[in-house]
């Protein structure tokens, strides 16, 4: 059975990584074997879980209360790319040529789009392993998340066999002649800017990689299908402020345009109203003057009224999200979230 995939999206600064970790804790507390993957190179996931340094391989989170388990990892694009090339290539010599190529080192670390594609690939790898019942994905801020979500489609277009075949032509003397005949000006400019040795190295990489294009495109299609699978849910993280709510609404429209399965909003850092009735007026404790005791009780009531007013204003702002989708209100804790214990305090407010 395929695992559930829960994708957390949202703007930067709304606590998306913290809630991704808390979702993982919630699922594990409910009994699920859970993995949390962040594709953000910052240390926020490790800081939230209190587990030290995280890498490309899952690391078990200790001290978790509940019958399930929780593993966490941070994407390493280069390691993921290397592993994918080695796995898809049936020719050790071809694999060695690709991995040793200087231009491949650039492609696997710096080329635009590589990071997003490797993010999708790592998620797909985790989903294909029977080790987990659920995977929580912490995506980058909204302006980069759309690049991640559209990565499969872009990779499928780029890995067009005819385009790569043309790029591979310069690996032979005849290929250089054809390329020069087709576009003498472009070839001359590239030669002056990069040098013919660099152009040849790029062409050598493309030529060696050409046999893997169909396999890479197939992986991209699997990643695209995973995002739309019945077990995948997208949650938008926001906070009860007008600017963040407007961003969440706009992001929701983008998800709908991509036909991705949106499930609801996670409204983070909401004000909690103390439960129960106002405190009565009991006799003051021994040794406390009646006036001091009355001031304490009035302070408690004033704090409650303030919380009610703030919560009412936040509810009006969150109403702009609309009524067609669930909204989970997550309380603003009175402490920094730096370990599983604090995350467990958020867990009951999250979807399970």
Protein backbone atom coordinates (compact mmCIF):
# COMPACT_ATOMS: atom_id res chain seq x y z
CA UNK A 1 0.00 0.00 0.00
CA UNK A 2 1.32 3.45 -0.88
CA UNK A 3 2.01 5.74 2.09
CA UNK A 4 0.03 8.87 2.79
CA UNK A 5 1.87 12.01 1.68
CA UNK A 6 1.12 15.27 3.50
CA UNK A 7 2.59 18.34 1.79
CA UNK A 8 2.92 21.54 3.84
CA UNK A 9 3.08 24.73 1.75
CA UNK A 10 3.03 28.40 2.63
CA UNK A 11 4.87 31.67 2.79
CA UNK A 12 8.11 32.10 4.67
CA UNK A 13 7.94 32.91 8.35
CA UNK A 14 4.58 31.27 9.13
CA UNK A 15 6.02 28.27 11.01
CA UNK A 16 5.69 25.77 8.17
CA UNK A 17 8.68 23.68 9.22
CA UNK A 18 7.53 23.59 12.85
CA UNK A 19 4.06 22.42 11.84
CA UNK A 20 5.53 19.83 9.46
CA UNK A 21 7.48 18.42 12.41
CA UNK A 22 4.38 18.61 14.62
CA UNK A 23 2.35 16.77 11.97
CA UNK A 24 4.96 14.04 11.98
CA UNK A 25 4.74 13.82 15.76
CA UNK A 26 0.94 13.69 15.61
CA UNK A 27 0.93 10.85 13.08
CA UNK A 28 3.55 8.91 15.04
CA UNK A 29 1.58 9.39 18.26
CA UNK A 30 -1.43 7.96 16.41
CA UNK A 31 0.61 4.85 15.59
CA UNK A 32 1.93 5.57 12.08
CA UNK A 33 5.48 4.91 10.93
CA UNK A 34 6.22 8.44 9.78
CA UNK A 35 9.00 10.29 7.96
CA UNK A 36 9.41 14.07 7.77
CA UNK A 37 11.40 15.41 4.81
CA UNK A 38 12.39 19.05 4.47
CA UNK A 39 13.79 20.34 1.20
CA UNK A 40 14.89 23.57 2.89
CA UNK A 41 18.64 23.51 3.66
CA UNK A 42 18.12 25.60 6.83
CA UNK A 43 18.40 23.79 10.17
CA UNK A 44 14.87 24.59 11.34
CA UNK A 45 13.59 21.00 11.16
CA UNK A 46 16.49 19.67 13.20
CA UNK A 47 16.07 22.54 15.66
CA UNK A 48 12.34 21.84 16.05
CA UNK A 49 12.89 18.14 16.67
CA UNK A 50 15.95 18.65 18.86
CA UNK A 51 17.94 15.92 17.06
CA UNK A 52 21.12 17.74 16.05
CA UNK A 53 22.37 17.55 12.47
CA UNK A 54 20.14 15.95 9.81
CA UNK A 55 21.27 14.63 6.42
CA UNK A 56 19.95 12.93 3.30
CA UNK A 57 19.33 9.65 5.13
CA UNK A 58 16.48 9.22 7.65
CA UNK A 59 17.38 9.66 11.30
CA UNK A 60 15.16 8.29 14.06
CA UNK A 61 13.68 10.86 16.44
CA UNK A 62 13.99 9.59 20.04
CA UNK A 63 11.78 10.12 23.09
CA UNK A 64 8.53 9.97 21.14
CA UNK A 65 5.42 9.16 23.16
CA UNK A 66 3.14 6.82 21.22
CA UNK A 67 3.08 3.53 19.35
CA UNK A 68 4.45 4.88 16.05
CA UNK A 69 7.90 6.01 14.93
CA UNK A 70 9.27 9.22 13.46
CA UNK A 71 12.26 9.64 11.12
CA UNK A 72 13.55 12.96 9.80
CA UNK A 73 15.86 13.97 6.95
CA UNK A 74 17.01 17.02 4.98
CA UNK A 75 17.46 16.89 1.20
CA UNK A 76 20.99 16.66 -0.21
CA UNK A 77 20.49 17.34 -3.96
CA UNK A 78 23.98 16.17 -5.00
CA UNK A 79 23.79 12.87 -3.11
CA UNK A 80 20.29 12.23 -4.47
CA UNK A 81 21.40 12.97 -8.04
CA UNK A 82 24.47 10.71 -7.75
CA UNK A 83 22.38 7.85 -6.38
CA UNK A 84 19.78 8.25 -9.13
CA UNK A 85 22.40 8.19 -11.91
CA UNK A 86 24.02 5.08 -10.41
CA UNK A 87 20.68 3.35 -10.05
CA UNK A 88 19.35 4.12 -13.54
CA UNK A 89 22.57 3.43 -15.46
CA UNK A 90 23.19 -0.21 -16.34
CA UNK A 91 26.67 0.55 -17.69
CA UNK A 92 29.33 1.14 -15.00
CA UNK A 93 31.59 2.87 -17.51
CA UNK A 94 28.84 5.31 -18.49
CA UNK A 95 28.10 5.93 -14.82
CA UNK A 96 31.75 6.71 -14.14
CA UNK A 97 31.95 9.10 -17.10
CA UNK A 98 28.89 11.02 -15.89
CA UNK A 99 29.88 11.25 -12.23
CA UNK A 100 33.45 12.29 -13.05
CA UNK A 101 32.41 14.93 -15.59
CA UNK A 102 33.09 18.48 -14.43
CA UNK A 103 29.92 19.82 -16.03
CA UNK A 104 27.88 17.16 -14.23
CA UNK A 105 29.24 18.60 -10.97
CA UNK A 106 27.69 21.92 -11.98
CA UNK A 107 24.41 20.38 -13.13
CA UNK A 108 23.98 18.36 -9.94
CA UNK A 109 24.57 21.31 -7.61
CA UNK A 110 23.98 24.68 -9.27
CA UNK A 111 21.86 24.38 -12.42
CA UNK A 112 18.44 25.95 -12.11
CA UNK A 113 15.72 23.32 -11.63
CA UNK A 114 18.03 20.57 -10.39
CA UNK A 115 17.26 21.27 -6.74
CA UNK A 116 13.49 21.08 -7.36
CA UNK A 117 13.75 17.89 -9.41
CA UNK A 118 15.92 16.18 -6.79
CA UNK A 119 13.42 17.23 -4.12
CA UNK A 120 10.71 15.41 -6.01
CA UNK A 121 12.99 12.43 -6.60
CA UNK A 122 13.83 12.10 -2.90
CA UNK A 123 10.13 12.22 -1.99
CA UNK A 124 9.43 9.55 -4.59
CA UNK A 125 12.22 7.34 -3.23
CA UNK A 126 10.76 7.54 0.27
CA UNK A 127 7.27 6.76 -1.02
CA UNK A 128 8.55 3.67 -2.83
CA UNK A 129 10.03 2.17 0.35
CA UNK A 130 7.67 0.15 2.51
CA UNK A 131 9.23 1.55 5.68
CA UNK A 132 6.65 4.29 6.32
CA UNK A 133 2.89 4.65 6.53
CA UNK A 134 3.02 8.43 6.11
CA UNK A 135 5.48 11.02 4.77
CA UNK A 136 5.28 14.71 5.68
CA UNK A 137 6.96 17.06 3.20
CA UNK A 138 8.08 20.52 4.30
CA UNK A 139 8.33 22.60 1.12
CA UNK A 140 10.27 25.87 0.62
CA UNK A 141 8.50 29.25 0.91
CA UNK A 142 5.67 29.89 -1.53
CA UNK A 143 7.74 31.75 -4.14
CA UNK A 144 9.97 28.65 -4.53
CA UNK A 145 7.34 26.00 -3.79
CA UNK A 146 5.64 26.50 -7.15
CA UNK A 147 8.95 25.69 -8.86
CA UNK A 148 9.05 22.48 -6.83
CA UNK A 149 5.45 21.54 -7.60
CA UNK A 150 5.89 22.10 -11.34
CA UNK A 151 9.34 20.45 -11.52
CA UNK A 152 8.07 17.13 -12.96
CA UNK A 153 6.37 18.81 -15.91
CA UNK A 154 9.39 21.00 -16.65
CA UNK A 155 11.79 18.05 -16.48
CA UNK A 156 9.63 16.03 -18.85
CA UNK A 157 9.75 18.90 -21.38
CA UNK A 158 13.50 19.44 -21.01
CA UNK A 159 14.35 15.76 -21.39
CA UNK A 160 13.12 15.70 -24.94
CA UNK A 161 15.29 13.21 -26.83
CA UNK A 162 15.64 15.34 -29.95
CA UNK A 163 16.90 18.36 -27.99
CA UNK A 164 19.56 16.34 -26.17
CA UNK A 165 20.60 14.61 -29.38
CA UNK A 166 21.38 17.99 -30.93
CA UNK A 167 23.40 19.02 -27.86
CA UNK A 168 25.33 15.76 -28.04
CA UNK A 169 26.43 16.31 -31.66
CA UNK A 170 29.65 18.20 -30.84
CA UNK A 171 31.23 15.11 -29.25
CA UNK A 172 32.31 14.12 -32.76
CA UNK A 173 34.16 16.04 -35.45
CA UNK A 174 31.11 15.73 -37.67
CA UNK A 175 28.96 17.00 -34.82
CA UNK A 176 31.03 20.18 -34.51
CA UNK A 177 30.70 20.73 -38.24
CA UNK A 178 26.92 20.31 -38.13
CA UNK A 179 26.58 22.65 -35.15
CA UNK A 180 28.77 25.29 -36.82
CA UNK A 181 26.82 25.02 -40.06
CA UNK A 182 23.51 25.38 -38.20
CA UNK A 183 24.59 28.39 -36.14
CA UNK A 184 28.10 29.68 -36.78
CA UNK A 185 27.53 32.85 -34.76
CA UNK A 186 26.27 31.08 -31.63
CA UNK A 187 29.08 28.53 -31.74
CA UNK A 188 31.71 31.24 -32.14
CA UNK A 189 30.33 33.23 -29.21
CA UNK A 190 30.17 30.15 -26.97
CA UNK A 191 33.69 29.18 -27.99
CA UNK A 192 35.05 32.60 -27.03
CA UNK A 193 33.11 32.74 -23.75
CA UNK A 194 33.60 29.18 -22.53
CA UNK A 195 36.41 27.75 -24.60
CA UNK A 196 36.12 24.75 -26.91
CA UNK A 197 37.37 22.40 -24.16
CA UNK A 198 34.46 23.41 -21.93
CA UNK A 199 31.98 23.04 -24.78
CA UNK A 200 33.40 19.60 -25.52
CA UNK A 201 33.10 18.63 -21.84
CA UNK A 202 29.47 19.73 -21.77
CA UNK A 203 28.79 17.78 -24.94
CA UNK A 204 30.53 14.70 -23.49
CA UNK A 205 28.29 14.85 -20.45
CA UNK A 206 25.14 15.22 -22.54
CA UNK A 207 26.24 12.37 -24.81
CA UNK A 208 26.81 10.04 -21.85
CA UNK A 209 23.59 11.16 -20.19
CA UNK A 210 21.52 10.78 -23.34
CA UNK A 211 20.86 7.09 -22.70
CA UNK A 212 19.29 7.92 -19.35
CA UNK A 213 16.84 10.57 -20.52
CA UNK A 214 13.88 8.22 -20.85
CA UNK A 215 14.50 6.80 -17.38
CA UNK A 216 14.74 10.30 -15.89
CA UNK A 217 11.57 11.38 -17.68
CA UNK A 218 9.80 8.28 -16.37
CA UNK A 219 10.82 9.19 -12.81
CA UNK A 220 9.49 12.71 -13.36
CA UNK A 221 6.15 11.31 -14.49
CA UNK A 222 5.99 9.11 -11.37
CA UNK A 223 6.66 12.19 -9.23
CA UNK A 224 3.89 14.07 -11.00
CA UNK A 225 1.48 11.20 -10.39
CA UNK A 226 2.48 10.98 -6.71
CA UNK A 227 1.47 14.61 -6.14
CA UNK A 228 -2.01 13.79 -7.47
CA UNK A 229 -2.39 10.36 -5.87
CA UNK A 230 -5.47 9.65 -3.70
CA UNK A 231 -3.31 9.39 -0.58
CA UNK A 232 -1.69 12.83 -1.05
CA UNK A 233 -2.96 15.90 0.83
CA UNK A 234 -1.83 19.51 0.51
CA UNK A 235 -2.08 21.78 3.54
CA UNK A 236 -1.49 25.52 3.39
CA UNK A 237 0.13 27.03 6.47
CA UNK A 238 -0.76 30.63 7.32
CA UNK A 239 -1.06 32.96 10.29
CA UNK A 240 -4.07 35.12 11.28
CA UNK A 241 -2.82 38.30 9.60
CA UNK A 242 -4.35 39.89 6.49
CA UNK A 243 -1.16 39.69 4.40
CA UNK A 244 -0.52 36.01 5.14
CA UNK A 245 -4.15 35.05 4.61
CA UNK A 246 -4.20 36.80 1.22
CA UNK A 247 -1.02 34.90 0.27
CA UNK A 248 -2.63 31.61 1.31
CA UNK A 249 -5.74 32.31 -0.77
CA UNK A 250 -3.58 33.07 -3.82
CA UNK A 251 -1.54 29.90 -3.26
CA UNK A 252 -4.76 27.89 -2.98
CA UNK A 253 -5.80 29.16 -6.41
CA UNK A 254 -2.43 28.04 -7.82
CA UNK A 255 -2.88 24.56 -6.33
CA UNK A 256 -6.34 24.32 -7.88
CA UNK A 257 -4.94 25.36 -11.26
CA UNK A 258 -2.39 22.53 -11.00
CA UNK A 259 -5.18 20.12 -9.99
CA UNK A 260 -3.41 19.21 -6.74
CA UNK A 261 -5.44 17.73 -3.86
CA UNK A 262 -5.87 20.62 -1.38
CA UNK A 263 -7.21 19.48 2.01
CA UNK A 264 -7.25 22.55 4.24
CA UNK A 265 -5.52 25.41 6.00
CA UNK A 266 -3.31 25.25 9.08
CA UNK A 267 -3.71 28.61 10.85
CA UNK A 268 -0.63 28.88 13.03
CA UNK A 269 0.01 31.07 16.11
CA UNK A 270 -3.63 31.65 16.97
CA UNK A 271 -4.58 33.19 20.29
CA UNK A 272 -6.09 30.78 22.79
CA UNK A 273 -9.00 31.80 25.01
CA UNK A 274 -8.85 30.28 28.51
CA UNK A 275 -11.54 27.64 28.88
CA UNK A 276 -14.22 27.61 31.54
CA UNK A 277 -16.13 30.44 33.22
CA UNK A 278 -14.60 33.51 34.80
CA UNK A 279 -13.03 32.79 38.17
CA UNK A 280 -15.39 33.40 41.13
CA UNK A 281 -14.66 35.73 44.01
CA UNK A 282 -13.44 33.38 46.71
CA UNK A 283 -12.12 34.62 49.99
CA UNK A 284 -8.54 35.78 49.70
CA UNK A 285 -5.81 33.43 50.71
CA UNK A 286 -4.49 33.85 54.25
CA UNK A 287 -2.16 36.79 54.56
CA UNK A 288 -3.20 38.48 51.28
CA UNK A 289 -5.06 41.78 51.64
CA UNK A 290 -8.55 41.82 50.18
CA UNK A 291 -7.66 44.69 47.82
CA UNK A 292 -4.65 42.83 46.42
CA UNK A 293 -6.73 39.71 45.91
CA UNK A 294 -9.42 41.67 44.05
CA UNK A 295 -6.75 43.21 41.79
CA UNK A 296 -5.39 39.74 40.97
CA UNK A 297 -8.85 38.47 40.01
CA UNK A 298 -9.52 41.55 37.88
CA UNK A 299 -6.19 41.02 36.12
CA UNK A 300 -7.18 37.45 35.28
CA UNK A 301 -10.53 38.60 33.91
CA UNK A 302 -8.91 41.42 31.90
CA UNK A 303 -6.43 38.99 30.36
CA UNK A 304 -9.30 36.72 29.36
CA UNK A 305 -11.22 39.61 27.79
CA UNK A 306 -8.11 40.63 25.86
CA UNK A 307 -7.65 37.08 24.54
CA UNK A 308 -11.30 36.96 23.50
CA UNK A 309 -11.01 40.24 21.61
CA UNK A 310 -7.82 39.19 19.82
CA UNK A 311 -9.23 35.76 18.98
CA UNK A 312 -12.39 37.37 17.60
CA UNK A 313 -10.30 39.63 15.35
CA UNK A 314 -8.22 36.67 14.17
CA UNK A 315 -11.40 34.72 13.39
CA UNK A 316 -12.63 37.56 11.20
CA UNK A 317 -9.33 37.58 9.30
CA UNK A 318 -9.33 33.79 8.89
CA UNK A 319 -12.90 33.95 7.57
CA UNK A 320 -11.35 35.39 4.39
CA UNK A 321 -10.03 31.89 3.70
CA UNK A 322 -13.59 30.88 2.87
CA UNK A 323 -15.86 28.18 4.21
CA UNK A 324 -15.27 25.52 1.59
CA UNK A 325 -12.19 24.00 3.20
CA UNK A 326 -11.35 22.99 6.78
CA UNK A 327 -9.19 25.32 8.86
CA UNK A 328 -7.25 24.00 11.84
CA UNK A 329 -6.38 26.67 14.43
CA UNK A 330 -3.00 25.94 16.03
CA UNK A 331 -2.27 27.81 19.27
CA UNK A 332 0.62 30.17 19.80
CA UNK A 333 2.75 28.44 22.43
CA UNK A 334 4.28 30.26 25.36
CA UNK A 335 7.66 28.64 24.64
CA UNK A 336 10.08 28.08 21.76
CA UNK A 337 9.57 24.79 19.90
CA UNK A 338 12.90 23.02 20.25
CA UNK A 339 11.99 19.43 21.09
CA UNK A 340 9.41 16.69 20.69
CA UNK A 341 7.72 17.61 23.97
CA UNK A 342 6.81 21.08 22.67
CA UNK A 343 5.70 19.65 19.32
CA UNK A 344 3.43 17.23 21.15
CA UNK A 345 1.60 20.22 22.61
CA UNK A 346 0.69 21.29 19.06
CA UNK A 347 -0.21 17.79 17.86
CA UNK A 348 -3.85 17.66 19.14
CA UNK A 349 -4.69 20.76 17.08
CA UNK A 350 -3.47 19.21 13.81
CA UNK A 351 -5.16 16.78 11.40
CA UNK A 352 -4.43 13.19 12.40
